[in-house]
Amino acid sequence: MFGMFARPKLDARFDASHAHSDEFSREVELTGALTLSNSGSDAEISGVEMILIAGFRRIEFDVPQDWSTFALAKGGSKQGDLHWKLTLDSPLRAEAGQLYVSVHDQKRRKSEWRLPFAFEIR
C-alpha cells in the first residue's frame, strides 16, 4: 500500500567538457555530459526542457530525441553527451553560465536544476 505514495527522487549533474563563447562571431558552443539519476521509485520522464542561462540571456536548446521521454528505474541513471552550437543575434558577453534542466515525472511533479559551468571566451 505504501508503494502507491512513493515518488521519484531525481538528481541531475552536468560536466561541461567544452563551453566556448565567441563575441565577434556571436557563436556559443556547449559540450558536456548530463547525468540524471533516480534514488526513489520508478519514473517515467517527459516534458524535458533545456535552457542556457548566461547573464540576463535565456537561450532555449533543442532537446535531443533520446532525452525527450524515457524511463528511469529505481536506483538507475541516464547519462549522455550533449552538444549544441548556436549563432546568436547579438554577442554573448558572459563568463559563466548555467544549464537549466526541467523534467516532469508520471505524477506530474516538476523537477528543475541549474547546473553551473564556466565559458572559455575568445
PDB file of N, CA and C in Angstrom:
ATOM      1  N   MET A   1       0.807  -1.188   0.000  1.00  0.00           N
ATOM      2  CA  MET A   1       0.000   0.000   0.000  1.00  0.00           C
ATOM      3  C   MET A   1       0.860   1.266   0.000  1.00  0.00           C
ATOM      4  N   PHE A   2       1.978   1.226   0.722  1.00  0.00           N
ATOM      5  CA  PHE A   2       2.816   2.416   0.783  1.00  0.00           C
ATOM      6  C   PHE A   2       3.543   2.672  -0.531  1.00  0.00           C
ATOM      7  N   GLY A   3       3.627   1.689  -1.399  1.00  0.00           N
ATOM      8  CA  GLY A   3       4.242   1.882  -2.699  1.00  0.00           C
ATOM      9  C   GLY A   3       3.464   2.855  -3.569  1.00  0.00           C
ATOM     10  N   MET A   4       2.165   3.002  -3.300  1.00  0.00           N
ATOM     11  CA  MET A   4       1.341   3.943  -4.070  1.00  0.00           C
ATOM     12  C   MET A   4       1.792   5.381  -3.850  1.00  0.00           C
ATOM     13  N   PHE A   5       2.341   5.660  -2.672  1.00  0.00           N
ATOM     14  CA  PHE A   5       2.714   7.020  -2.325  1.00  0.00           C
ATOM     15  C   PHE A   5       4.193   7.314  -2.571  1.00  0.00           C
ATOM     16  N   ALA A   6       4.923   6.329  -3.061  1.00  0.00           N
ATOM     17  CA  ALA A   6       6.351   6.530  -3.327  1.00  0.00           C
ATOM     18  C   ALA A   6       6.523   7.470  -4.518  1.00  0.00           C
ATOM     19  N   ARG A   7       7.535   8.310  -4.438  1.00  0.00           N
ATOM     20  CA  ARG A   7       7.795   9.272  -5.508  1.00  0.00           C
ATOM     21  C   ARG A   7       9.223   9.107  -6.021  1.00  0.00           C
ATOM     22  N   PRO A   8       9.438   9.475  -7.267  1.00  0.00           N
ATOM     23  CA  PRO A   8      10.809   9.507  -7.774  1.00  0.00           C
ATOM     24  C   PRO A   8      11.607  10.609  -7.076  1.00  0.00           C
ATOM     25  N   LYS A   9      12.878  10.348  -6.826  1.00  0.00           N
ATOM     26  CA  LYS A   9      13.789  11.350  -6.263  1.00  0.00           C
ATOM     27  C   LYS A   9      14.904  11.537  -7.277  1.00  0.00           C
ATOM     28  N   LEU A  10      14.760  12.559  -8.081  1.00  0.00           N
ATOM     29  CA  LEU A  10      15.662  12.781  -9.203  1.00  0.00           C
ATOM     30  C   LEU A  10      16.767  13.763  -8.836  1.00  0.00           C
ATOM     31  N   ASP A  11      17.922  13.544  -9.452  1.00  0.00           N
ATOM     32  CA  ASP A  11      19.063  14.434  -9.275  1.00  0.00           C
ATOM     33  C   ASP A  11      19.774  14.551 -10.617  1.00  0.00           C
ATOM     34  N   ALA A  12      20.312  15.733 -10.913  1.00  0.00           N
ATOM     35  CA  ALA A  12      20.990  15.964 -12.189  1.00  0.00           C
ATOM     36  C   ALA A  12      22.386  16.512 -11.955  1.00  0.00           C
ATOM     37  N   ARG A  13      23.295  16.187 -12.895  1.00  0.00           N
ATOM     38  CA  ARG A  13      24.662  16.686 -12.864  1.00  0.00           C
ATOM     39  C   ARG A  13      25.109  16.939 -14.306  1.00  0.00           C
ATOM     40  N   PHE A  14      25.783  18.058 -14.536  1.00  0.00           N
ATOM     41  CA  PHE A  14      26.299  18.390 -15.859  1.00  0.00           C
ATOM     42  C   PHE A  14      27.778  18.709 -15.735  1.00  0.00           C
ATOM     43  N   ASP A  15      28.599  17.975 -16.486  1.00  0.00           N
ATOM     44  CA  ASP A  15      30.040  18.201 -16.521  1.00  0.00           C
ATOM     45  C   ASP A  15      30.396  18.745 -17.900  1.00  0.00           C
ATOM     46  N   ALA A  16      30.630  20.047 -17.978  1.00  0.00           N
ATOM     47  CA  ALA A  16      30.943  20.690 -19.256  1.00  0.00           C
ATOM     48  C   ALA A  16      32.379  20.362 -19.651  1.00  0.00           C
ATOM     49  N   SER A  17      32.552  19.780 -20.826  1.00  0.00           N
ATOM     50  CA  SER A  17      33.892  19.495 -21.320  1.00  0.00           C
ATOM     51  C   SER A  17      34.395  20.617 -22.231  1.00  0.00           C
ATOM     52  N   HIS A  18      33.451  21.353 -22.842  1.00  0.00           N
ATOM     53  CA  HIS A  18      33.825  22.462 -23.722  1.00  0.00           C
ATOM     54  C   HIS A  18      32.685  23.476 -23.710  1.00  0.00           C
ATOM     55  N   ALA A  19      32.953  24.655 -23.195  1.00  0.00           N
ATOM     56  CA  ALA A  19      31.982  25.752 -23.198  1.00  0.00           C
ATOM     57  C   ALA A  19      32.694  26.965 -23.782  1.00  0.00           C
ATOM     58  N   HIS A  20      32.296  27.365 -24.970  1.00  0.00           N
ATOM     59  CA  HIS A  20      33.012  28.381 -25.723  1.00  0.00           C
ATOM     60  C   HIS A  20      32.045  29.485 -26.137  1.00  0.00           C
ATOM     61  N   SER A  21      32.446  30.720 -25.926  1.00  0.00           N
ATOM     62  CA  SER A  21      31.659  31.872 -26.336  1.00  0.00           C
ATOM     63  C   SER A  21      32.558  32.802 -27.134  1.00  0.00           C
ATOM     64  N   ASP A  22      32.211  33.048 -28.389  1.00  0.00           N
ATOM     65  CA  ASP A  22      32.986  33.935 -29.257  1.00  0.00           C
ATOM     66  C   ASP A  22      32.163  35.194 -29.506  1.00  0.00           C
ATOM     67  N   GLU A  23      32.613  36.292 -28.935  1.00  0.00           N
ATOM     68  CA  GLU A  23      31.859  37.534 -29.003  1.00  0.00           C
ATOM     69  C   GLU A  23      31.776  38.091 -30.426  1.00  0.00           C
ATOM     70  N   PHE A  24      32.833  37.954 -31.207  1.00  0.00           N
ATOM     71  CA  PHE A  24      32.858  38.565 -32.540  1.00  0.00           C
ATOM     72  C   PHE A  24      32.028  37.797 -33.564  1.00  0.00           C
ATOM     73  N   SER A  25      32.083  36.482 -33.528  1.00  0.00           N
ATOM     74  CA  SER A  25      31.272  35.706 -34.470  1.00  0.00           C
ATOM     75  C   SER A  25      29.892  35.384 -33.899  1.00  0.00           C
ATOM     76  N   ARG A  26      29.640  35.785 -32.641  1.00  0.00           N
ATOM     77  CA  ARG A  26      28.367  35.584 -31.945  1.00  0.00           C
ATOM     78  C   ARG A  26      27.993  34.113 -31.842  1.00  0.00           C
ATOM     79  N   GLU A  27      28.999  33.254 -31.708  1.00  0.00           N
ATOM     80  CA  GLU A  27      28.750  31.818 -31.584  1.00  0.00           C
ATOM     81  C   GLU A  27      28.890  31.360 -30.138  1.00  0.00           C
ATOM     82  N   VAL A  28      28.059  30.402 -29.787  1.00  0.00           N
ATOM     83  CA  VAL A  28      28.124  29.748 -28.489  1.00  0.00           C
ATOM     84  C   VAL A  28      28.159  28.255 -28.749  1.00  0.00           C
ATOM     85  N   GLU A  29      29.121  27.572 -28.130  1.00  0.00           N
ATOM     86  CA  GLU A  29      29.231  26.120 -28.268  1.00  0.00           C
ATOM     87  C   GLU A  29      29.332  25.520 -26.868  1.00  0.00           C
ATOM     88  N   LEU A  30      28.497  24.514 -26.615  1.00  0.00           N
ATOM     89  CA  LEU A  30      28.472  23.865 -25.307  1.00  0.00           C
ATOM     90  C   LEU A  30      28.444  22.359 -25.507  1.00  0.00           C
ATOM     91  N   THR A  31      29.412  21.679 -24.900  1.00  0.00           N
ATOM     92  CA  THR A  31      29.519  20.225 -24.960  1.00  0.00           C
ATOM     93  C   THR A  31      29.759  19.709 -23.548  1.00  0.00           C
ATOM     94  N   GLY A  32      29.098  18.613 -23.215  1.00  0.00           N
ATOM     95  CA  GLY A  32      29.307  18.051 -21.890  1.00  0.00           C
ATOM     96  C   GLY A  32      28.471  16.813 -21.665  1.00  0.00           C
ATOM     97  N   ALA A  33      28.616  16.240 -20.484  1.00  0.00           N
ATOM     98  CA  ALA A  33      27.898  15.019 -20.115  1.00  0.00           C
ATOM     99  C   ALA A  33      26.831  15.362 -19.082  1.00  0.00           C
ATOM    100  N   LEU A  34      25.598  15.018 -19.397  1.00  0.00           N
ATOM    101  CA  LEU A  34      24.475  15.213 -18.484  1.00  0.00           C
ATOM    102  C   LEU A  34      24.096  13.871 -17.892  1.00  0.00           C
ATOM    103  N   THR A  35      23.960  13.820 -16.562  1.00  0.00           N
ATOM    104  CA  THR A  35      23.566  12.605 -15.864  1.00  0.00           C
ATOM    105  C   THR A  35      22.328  12.904 -15.035  1.00  0.00           C
ATOM    106  N   LEU A  36      21.290  12.113 -15.241  1.00  0.00           N
ATOM    107  CA  LEU A  36      20.068  12.214 -14.465  1.00  0.00           C
ATOM    108  C   LEU A  36      19.902  10.908 -13.711  1.00  0.00           C
ATOM    109  N   SER A  37      19.865  10.957 -12.387  1.00  0.00           N
ATOM    110  CA  SER A  37      19.774   9.740 -11.579  1.00  0.00           C
ATOM    111  C   SER A  37      18.500   9.751 -10.737  1.00  0.00           C
ATOM    112  N   ASN A  38      18.049   8.555 -10.368  1.00  0.00           N
ATOM    113  CA  ASN A  38      16.815   8.384  -9.625  1.00  0.00           C
ATOM    114  C   ASN A  38      17.075   7.513  -8.402  1.00  0.00           C
ATOM    115  N   SER A  39      16.857   8.052  -7.203  1.00  0.00           N
ATOM    116  CA  SER A  39      17.038   7.266  -5.988  1.00  0.00           C
ATOM    117  C   SER A  39      15.696   6.917  -5.342  1.00  0.00           C
ATOM    118  N   GLY A  40      14.590   7.284  -5.978  1.00  0.00           N
ATOM    119  CA  GLY A  40      13.256   6.980  -5.459  1.00  0.00           C
ATOM    120  C   GLY A  40      12.596   5.871  -6.247  1.00  0.00           C
ATOM    121  N   SER A  41      11.284   5.944  -6.391  1.00  0.00           N
ATOM    122  CA  SER A  41      10.540   4.921  -7.132  1.00  0.00           C
ATOM    123  C   SER A  41      10.752   5.082  -8.636  1.00  0.00           C
ATOM    124  N   ASP A  42      10.316   4.091  -9.402  1.00  0.00           N
ATOM    125  CA  ASP A  42      10.447   4.135 -10.858  1.00  0.00           C
ATOM    126  C   ASP A  42       9.806   5.406 -11.406  1.00  0.00           C
ATOM    127  N   ALA A  43      10.394   5.956 -12.457  1.00  0.00           N
ATOM    128  CA  ALA A  43       9.910   7.225 -13.004  1.00  0.00           C
ATOM    129  C   ALA A  43       9.781   7.148 -14.514  1.00  0.00           C
ATOM    130  N   GLU A  44       8.728   7.750 -15.021  1.00  0.00           N
ATOM    131  CA  GLU A  44       8.531   7.967 -16.451  1.00  0.00           C
ATOM    132  C   GLU A  44       8.753   9.455 -16.675  1.00  0.00           C
ATOM    133  N   ILE A  45       9.841   9.804 -17.341  1.00  0.00           N
ATOM    134  CA  ILE A  45      10.232  11.201 -17.517  1.00  0.00           C
ATOM    135  C   ILE A  45       9.714  11.710 -18.857  1.00  0.00           C
ATOM    136  N   SER A  46       9.140  12.914 -18.832  1.00  0.00           N
ATOM    137  CA  SER A  46       8.675  13.560 -20.061  1.00  0.00           C
ATOM    138  C   SER A  46       8.765  15.073 -19.871  1.00  0.00           C
ATOM    139  N   GLY A  47       8.437  15.812 -20.896  1.00  0.00           N
ATOM    140  CA  GLY A  47       8.445  17.270 -20.803  1.00  0.00           C
ATOM    141  C   GLY A  47       9.800  17.847 -20.458  1.00  0.00           C
ATOM    142  N   VAL A  48      10.854  17.318 -21.058  1.00  0.00           N
ATOM    143  CA  VAL A  48      12.210  17.778 -20.754  1.00  0.00           C
ATOM    144  C   VAL A  48      12.464  19.114 -21.461  1.00  0.00           C
ATOM    145  N   GLU A  49      13.033  20.053 -20.722  1.00  0.00           N
ATOM    146  CA  GLU A  49      13.349  21.366 -21.253  1.00  0.00           C
ATOM    147  C   GLU A  49      14.779  21.711 -20.853  1.00  0.00           C
ATOM    148  N   MET A  50      15.566  22.232 -21.792  1.00  0.00           N
ATOM    149  CA  MET A  50      16.948  22.619 -21.522  1.00  0.00           C
ATOM    150  C   MET A  50      17.167  24.037 -22.028  1.00  0.00           C
ATOM    151  N   ILE A  51      17.675  24.895 -21.133  1.00  0.00           N
ATOM    152  CA  ILE A  51      17.873  26.313 -21.449  1.00  0.00           C
ATOM    153  C   ILE A  51      19.256  26.739 -20.962  1.00  0.00           C
ATOM    154  N   LEU A  52      19.952  27.529 -21.770  1.00  0.00           N
ATOM    155  CA  LEU A  52      21.217  28.138 -21.369  1.00  0.00           C
ATOM    156  C   LEU A  52      20.894  29.470 -20.710  1.00  0.00           C
ATOM    157  N   ILE A  53      21.366  29.647 -19.481  1.00  0.00           N
ATOM    158  CA  ILE A  53      21.202  30.910 -18.766  1.00  0.00           C
ATOM    159  C   ILE A  53      22.591  31.515 -18.618  1.00  0.00           C
ATOM    160  N   ALA A  54      22.762  32.707 -19.192  1.00  0.00           N
ATOM    161  CA  ALA A  54      24.053  33.407 -19.120  1.00  0.00           C
ATOM    162  C   ALA A  54      23.764  34.890 -18.967  1.00  0.00           C
ATOM    163  N   GLY A  55      24.093  35.420 -17.809  1.00  0.00           N
ATOM    164  CA  GLY A  55      23.771  36.822 -17.541  1.00  0.00           C
ATOM    165  C   GLY A  55      22.258  36.999 -17.536  1.00  0.00           C
ATOM    166  N   PHE A  56      21.779  37.925 -18.351  1.00  0.00           N
ATOM    167  CA  PHE A  56      20.337  38.146 -18.471  1.00  0.00           C
ATOM    168  C   PHE A  56      19.732  37.377 -19.634  1.00  0.00           C
ATOM    169  N   ARG A  57      20.534  36.629 -20.347  1.00  0.00           N
ATOM    170  CA  ARG A  57      20.072  35.909 -21.537  1.00  0.00           C
ATOM    171  C   ARG A  57      19.524  34.535 -21.182  1.00  0.00           C
ATOM    172  N   ARG A  58      18.464  34.154 -21.863  1.00  0.00           N
ATOM    173  CA  ARG A  58      17.866  32.824 -21.771  1.00  0.00           C
ATOM    174  C   ARG A  58      17.777  32.285 -23.194  1.00  0.00           C
ATOM    175  N   ILE A  59      18.532  31.224 -23.473  1.00  0.00           N
ATOM    176  CA  ILE A  59      18.592  30.663 -24.829  1.00  0.00           C
ATOM    177  C   ILE A  59      18.105  29.226 -24.757  1.00  0.00           C
ATOM    178  N   GLU A  60      16.996  28.949 -25.403  1.00  0.00           N
ATOM    179  CA  GLU A  60      16.417  27.613 -25.349  1.00  0.00           C
ATOM    180  C   GLU A  60      17.150  26.684 -26.316  1.00  0.00           C
ATOM    181  N   PHE A  61      17.517  25.504 -25.811  1.00  0.00           N
ATOM    182  CA  PHE A  61      18.184  24.486 -26.612  1.00  0.00           C
ATOM    183  C   PHE A  61      17.170  23.479 -27.122  1.00  0.00           C
ATOM    184  N   ASP A  62      17.482  22.891 -28.276  1.00  0.00           N
ATOM    185  CA  ASP A  62      16.694  21.763 -28.768  1.00  0.00           C
ATOM    186  C   ASP A  62      17.064  20.547 -27.938  1.00  0.00           C
ATOM    187  N   VAL A  63      16.059  19.851 -27.416  1.00  0.00           N
ATOM    188  CA  VAL A  63      16.286  18.660 -26.603  1.00  0.00           C
ATOM    189  C   VAL A  63      16.490  17.477 -27.544  1.00  0.00           C
ATOM    190  N   PRO A  64      17.590  16.727 -27.385  1.00  0.00           N
ATOM    191  CA  PRO A  64      17.807  15.550 -28.231  1.00  0.00           C
ATOM    192  C   PRO A  64      16.665  14.544 -28.082  1.00  0.00           C
ATOM    193  N   GLN A  65      16.390  13.804 -29.145  1.00  0.00           N
ATOM    194  CA  GLN A  65      15.264  12.867 -29.184  1.00  0.00           C
ATOM    195  C   GLN A  65      15.313  11.839 -28.051  1.00  0.00           C
ATOM    196  N   ASP A  66      16.489  11.295 -27.745  1.00  0.00           N
ATOM    197  CA  ASP A  66      16.570  10.264 -26.697  1.00  0.00           C
ATOM    198  C   ASP A  66      16.411  10.838 -25.289  1.00  0.00           C
ATOM    199  N   TRP A  67      16.385  12.174 -25.151  1.00  0.00           N
ATOM    200  CA  TRP A  67      16.165  12.805 -23.851  1.00  0.00           C
ATOM    201  C   TRP A  67      14.743  13.338 -23.709  1.00  0.00           C
ATOM    202  N   SER A  68      13.914  13.284 -24.744  1.00  0.00           N
ATOM    203  CA  SER A  68      12.582  13.885 -24.655  1.00  0.00           C
ATOM    204  C   SER A  68      11.648  13.090 -23.742  1.00  0.00           C
ATOM    205  N   THR A  69      11.593  11.786 -23.858  1.00  0.00           N
ATOM    206  CA  THR A  69      10.821  10.927 -22.951  1.00  0.00           C
ATOM    207  C   THR A  69      11.605   9.645 -22.728  1.00  0.00           C
ATOM    208  N   PHE A  70      11.673   9.201 -21.473  1.00  0.00           N
ATOM    209  CA  PHE A  70      12.394   7.975 -21.146  1.00  0.00           C
ATOM    210  C   PHE A  70      11.970   7.501 -19.763  1.00  0.00           C
ATOM    211  N   ALA A  71      12.341   6.272 -19.428  1.00  0.00           N
ATOM    212  CA  ALA A  71      12.019   5.691 -18.123  1.00  0.00           C
ATOM    213  C   ALA A  71      13.294   5.551 -17.302  1.00  0.00           C
ATOM    214  N   LEU A  72      13.182   5.811 -16.003  1.00  0.00           N
ATOM    215  CA  LEU A  72      14.290   5.629 -15.069  1.00  0.00           C
ATOM    216  C   LEU A  72      13.826   4.692 -13.957  1.00  0.00           C
ATOM    217  N   ALA A  73      14.486   3.568 -13.831  1.00  0.00           N
ATOM    218  CA  ALA A  73      14.153   2.623 -12.774  1.00  0.00           C
ATOM    219  C   ALA A  73      14.695   3.123 -11.435  1.00  0.00           C
ATOM    220  N   LYS A  74      14.199   2.551 -10.368  1.00  0.00           N
ATOM    221  CA  LYS A  74      14.675   2.901  -9.030  1.00  0.00           C
ATOM    222  C   LYS A  74      16.165   2.576  -8.939  1.00  0.00           C
ATOM    223  N   GLY A  75      16.957   3.541  -8.532  1.00  0.00           N
ATOM    224  CA  GLY A  75      18.401   3.362  -8.437  1.00  0.00           C
ATOM    225  C   GLY A  75      19.117   3.488  -9.768  1.00  0.00           C
ATOM    226  N   GLY A  76      18.408   3.771 -10.844  1.00  0.00           N
ATOM    227  CA  GLY A  76      19.017   3.871 -12.172  1.00  0.00           C
ATOM    228  C   GLY A  76      19.413   5.289 -12.519  1.00  0.00           C
ATOM    229  N   SER A  77      20.113   5.408 -13.639  1.00  0.00           N
ATOM    230  CA  SER A  77      20.509   6.730 -14.121  1.00  0.00           C
ATOM    231  C   SER A  77      20.598   6.709 -15.638  1.00  0.00           C
ATOM    232  N   LYS A  78      20.509   7.891 -16.215  1.00  0.00           N
ATOM    233  CA  LYS A  78      20.663   8.055 -17.662  1.00  0.00           C
ATOM    234  C   LYS A  78      21.766   9.073 -17.864  1.00  0.00           C
ATOM    235  N   GLN A  79      22.738   8.702 -18.680  1.00  0.00           N
ATOM    236  CA  GLN A  79      23.852   9.592 -18.966  1.00  0.00           C
ATOM    237  C   GLN A  79      23.993   9.714 -20.469  1.00  0.00           C
ATOM    238  N   GLY A  80      24.343  10.897 -20.900  1.00  0.00           N
ATOM    239  CA  GLY A  80      24.538  11.113 -22.325  1.00  0.00           C
ATOM    240  C   GLY A  80      25.367  12.349 -22.573  1.00  0.00           C
ATOM    241  N   ASP A  81      26.079  12.348 -23.698  1.00  0.00           N
ATOM    242  CA  ASP A  81      26.859  13.506 -24.105  1.00  0.00           C
ATOM    243  C   ASP A  81      25.969  14.419 -24.928  1.00  0.00           C
ATOM    244  N   LEU A  82      25.999  15.694 -24.610  1.00  0.00           N
ATOM    245  CA  LEU A  82      25.186  16.684 -25.300  1.00  0.00           C
ATOM    246  C   LEU A  82      26.104  17.673 -26.003  1.00  0.00           C
ATOM    247  N   HIS A  83      25.658  18.179 -27.142  1.00  0.00           N
ATOM    248  CA  HIS A  83      26.446  19.146 -27.903  1.00  0.00           C
ATOM    249  C   HIS A  83      25.494  20.121 -28.582  1.00  0.00           C
ATOM    250  N   TRP A  84      25.718  21.412 -28.344  1.00  0.00           N
ATOM    251  CA  TRP A  84      24.964  22.451 -29.022  1.00  0.00           C
ATOM    252  C   TRP A  84      25.932  23.476 -29.570  1.00  0.00           C
ATOM    253  N   LYS A  85      25.636  23.984 -30.771  1.00  0.00           N
ATOM    254  CA  LYS A  85      26.401  25.082 -31.351  1.00  0.00           C
ATOM    255  C   LYS A  85      25.387  26.026 -31.970  1.00  0.00           C
ATOM    256  N   LEU A  86      25.372  27.257 -31.485  1.00  0.00           N
ATOM    257  CA  LEU A  86      24.386  28.235 -31.921  1.00  0.00           C
ATOM    258  C   LEU A  86      25.059  29.514 -32.382  1.00  0.00           C
ATOM    259  N   THR A  87      24.442  30.181 -33.347  1.00  0.00           N
ATOM    260  CA  THR A  87      24.830  31.524 -33.743  1.00  0.00           C
ATOM    261  C   THR A  87      23.724  32.450 -33.265  1.00  0.00           C
ATOM    262  N   LEU A  88      24.073  33.428 -32.462  1.00  0.00           N
ATOM    263  CA  LEU A  88      23.105  34.323 -31.837  1.00  0.00           C
ATOM    264  C   LEU A  88      22.935  35.608 -32.623  1.00  0.00           C
ATOM    265  N   ASP A  89      21.871  36.357 -32.319  1.00  0.00           N
ATOM    266  CA  ASP A  89      21.639  37.646 -32.974  1.00  0.00           C
ATOM    267  C   ASP A  89      22.600  38.707 -32.460  1.00  0.00           C
ATOM    268  N   SER A  90      22.933  38.624 -31.179  1.00  0.00           N
ATOM    269  CA  SER A  90      23.833  39.599 -30.580  1.00  0.00           C
ATOM    270  C   SER A  90      24.889  38.859 -29.758  1.00  0.00           C
ATOM    271  N   PRO A  91      26.016  39.491 -29.498  1.00  0.00           N
ATOM    272  CA  PRO A  91      27.099  38.815 -28.778  1.00  0.00           C
ATOM    273  C   PRO A  91      26.713  38.417 -27.359  1.00  0.00           C
ATOM    274  N   LEU A  92      27.300  37.352 -26.890  1.00  0.00           N
ATOM    275  CA  LEU A  92      27.121  36.893 -25.520  1.00  0.00           C
ATOM    276  C   LEU A  92      28.409  37.206 -24.766  1.00  0.00           C
ATOM    277  N   ARG A  93      28.308  38.044 -23.741  1.00  0.00           N
ATOM    278  CA  ARG A  93      29.500  38.503 -23.024  1.00  0.00           C
ATOM    279  C   ARG A  93      29.576  37.929 -21.618  1.00  0.00           C
ATOM    280  N   ALA A  94      29.069  36.760 -21.398  1.00  0.00           N
ATOM    281  CA  ALA A  94      29.079  36.158 -20.061  1.00  0.00           C
ATOM    282  C   ALA A  94      30.323  35.300 -19.870  1.00  0.00           C
ATOM    283  N   GLU A  95      30.846  35.310 -18.654  1.00  0.00           N
ATOM    284  CA  GLU A  95      31.995  34.472 -18.323  1.00  0.00           C
ATOM    285  C   GLU A  95      31.570  33.131 -17.754  1.00  0.00           C
ATOM    286  N   ALA A  96      30.356  33.053 -17.232  1.00  0.00           N
ATOM    287  CA  ALA A  96      29.835  31.819 -16.646  1.00  0.00           C
ATOM    288  C   ALA A  96      28.384  31.653 -17.081  1.00  0.00           C
ATOM    289  N   GLY A  97      27.927  30.438 -17.026  1.00  0.00           N
ATOM    290  CA  GLY A  97      26.554  30.158 -17.402  1.00  0.00           C
ATOM    291  C   GLY A  97      25.990  29.012 -16.591  1.00  0.00           C
ATOM    292  N   GLN A  98      24.731  28.733 -16.839  1.00  0.00           N
ATOM    293  CA  GLN A  98      24.050  27.627 -16.182  1.00  0.00           C
ATOM    294  C   GLN A  98      23.217  26.902 -17.221  1.00  0.00           C
ATOM    295  N   LEU A  99      23.200  25.589 -17.126  1.00  0.00           N
ATOM    296  CA  LEU A  99      22.296  24.788 -17.937  1.00  0.00           C
ATOM    297  C   LEU A  99      21.082  24.509 -17.073  1.00  0.00           C
ATOM    298  N   TYR A 100      19.944  25.070 -17.455  1.00  0.00           N
ATOM    299  CA  TYR A 100      18.695  24.851 -16.735  1.00  0.00           C
ATOM    300  C   TYR A 100      18.034  23.617 -17.336  1.00  0.00           C
ATOM    301  N   VAL A 101      17.760  22.634 -16.490  1.00  0.00           N
ATOM    302  CA  VAL A 101      17.100  21.397 -16.933  1.00  0.00           C
ATOM    303  C   VAL A 101      15.825  21.238 -16.125  1.00  0.00           C
ATOM    304  N   SER A 102      14.729  21.001 -16.836  1.00  0.00           N
ATOM    305  CA  SER A 102      13.431  20.820 -16.201  1.00  0.00           C
ATOM    306  C   SER A 102      12.792  19.553 -16.760  1.00  0.00           C
ATOM    307  N   VAL A 103      12.231  18.697 -15.878  1.00  0.00           N
ATOM    308  CA  VAL A 103      11.565  17.464 -16.303  1.00  0.00           C
ATOM    309  C   VAL A 103      10.265  17.283 -15.509  1.00  0.00           C
ATOM    310  N   HIS A 104       9.346  16.528 -16.086  1.00  0.00           N
ATOM    311  CA  HIS A 104       8.114  16.131 -15.407  1.00  0.00           C
ATOM    312  C   HIS A 104       8.118  14.613 -15.267  1.00  0.00           C
ATOM    313  N   ASP A 105       7.641  14.115 -14.120  1.00  0.00           N
ATOM    314  CA  ASP A 105       7.518  12.675 -13.959  1.00  0.00           C
ATOM    315  C   ASP A 105       6.056  12.251 -14.155  1.00  0.00           C
ATOM    316  N   GLN A 106       5.786  10.949 -13.999  1.00  0.00           N
ATOM    317  CA  GLN A 106       4.451  10.417 -14.261  1.00  0.00           C
ATOM    318  C   GLN A 106       3.410  10.943 -13.279  1.00  0.00           C
ATOM    319  N   LYS A 107       3.830  11.484 -12.155  1.00  0.00           N
ATOM    320  CA  LYS A 107       2.896  12.032 -11.172  1.00  0.00           C
ATOM    321  C   LYS A 107       2.694  13.531 -11.383  1.00  0.00           C
ATOM    322  N   ARG A 108       3.126  14.021 -12.543  1.00  0.00           N
ATOM    323  CA  ARG A 108       3.038  15.438 -12.923  1.00  0.00           C
ATOM    324  C   ARG A 108       3.789  16.359 -11.964  1.00  0.00           C
ATOM    325  N   ARG A 109       4.835  15.819 -11.380  1.00  0.00           N
ATOM    326  CA  ARG A 109       5.689  16.600 -10.494  1.00  0.00           C
ATOM    327  C   ARG A 109       6.860  17.139 -11.302  1.00  0.00           C
ATOM    328  N   LYS A 110       7.126  18.426 -11.173  1.00  0.00           N
ATOM    329  CA  LYS A 110       8.192  19.064 -11.931  1.00  0.00           C
ATOM    330  C   LYS A 110       9.459  19.122 -11.088  1.00  0.00           C
ATOM    331  N   SER A 111      10.567  18.715 -11.684  1.00  0.00           N
ATOM    332  CA  SER A 111      11.884  18.843 -11.056  1.00  0.00           C
ATOM    333  C   SER A 111      12.727  19.734 -11.945  1.00  0.00           C
ATOM    334  N   GLU A 112      13.500  20.617 -11.333  1.00  0.00           N
ATOM    335  CA  GLU A 112      14.330  21.523 -12.123  1.00  0.00           C
ATOM    336  C   GLU A 112      15.641  21.783 -11.415  1.00  0.00           C
ATOM    337  N   TRP A 113      16.674  21.983 -12.239  1.00  0.00           N
ATOM    338  CA  TRP A 113      18.027  22.210 -11.739  1.00  0.00           C
ATOM    339  C   TRP A 113      18.690  23.310 -12.547  1.00  0.00           C
ATOM    340  N   ARG A 114      19.606  24.040 -11.913  1.00  0.00           N
ATOM    341  CA  ARG A 114      20.501  24.991 -12.583  1.00  0.00           C
ATOM    342  C   ARG A 114      21.910  24.472 -12.365  1.00  0.00           C
ATOM    343  N   LEU A 115      22.529  24.024 -13.439  1.00  0.00           N
ATOM    344  CA  LEU A 115      23.821  23.361 -13.373  1.00  0.00           C
ATOM    345  C   LEU A 115      24.899  24.305 -13.929  1.00  0.00           C
ATOM    346  N   PRO A 116      25.770  24.865 -13.069  1.00  0.00           N
ATOM    347  CA  PRO A 116      26.724  25.887 -13.487  1.00  0.00           C
ATOM    348  C   PRO A 116      27.931  25.344 -14.251  1.00  0.00           C
ATOM    349  N   PHE A 117      28.503  26.219 -15.080  1.00  0.00           N
ATOM    350  CA  PHE A 117      29.747  25.945 -15.809  1.00  0.00           C
ATOM    351  C   PHE A 117      30.384  27.278 -16.158  1.00  0.00           C
ATOM    352  N   ALA A 118      31.636  27.262 -16.604  1.00  0.00           N
ATOM    353  CA  ALA A 118      32.359  28.482 -16.982  1.00  0.00           C
ATOM    354  C   ALA A 118      32.635  28.467 -18.488  1.00  0.00           C
ATOM    355  N   PHE A 119      32.495  29.636 -19.117  1.00  0.00           N
ATOM    356  CA  PHE A 119      32.784  29.783 -20.545  1.00  0.00           C
ATOM    357  C   PHE A 119      34.266  30.046 -20.769  1.00  0.00           C
ATOM    358  N   GLU A 120      34.769  29.566 -21.886  1.00  0.00           N
ATOM    359  CA  GLU A 120      36.082  29.940 -22.396  1.00  0.00           C
ATOM    360  C   GLU A 120      35.799  31.036 -23.419  1.00  0.00           C
ATOM    361  N   ILE A 121      36.247  32.256 -23.152  1.00  0.00           N
ATOM    362  CA  ILE A 121      35.907  33.391 -24.003  1.00  0.00           C
ATOM    363  C   ILE A 121      37.041  33.646 -24.970  1.00  0.00           C
ATOM    364  N   ARG A 122      36.666  33.860 -26.236  1.00  0.00           N
ATOM    365  CA  ARG A 122      37.655  34.195 -27.267  1.00  0.00           C
ATOM    366  C   ARG A 122      37.295  35.498 -27.922  1.00  0.00           C
TER     367      ARG A 122
END
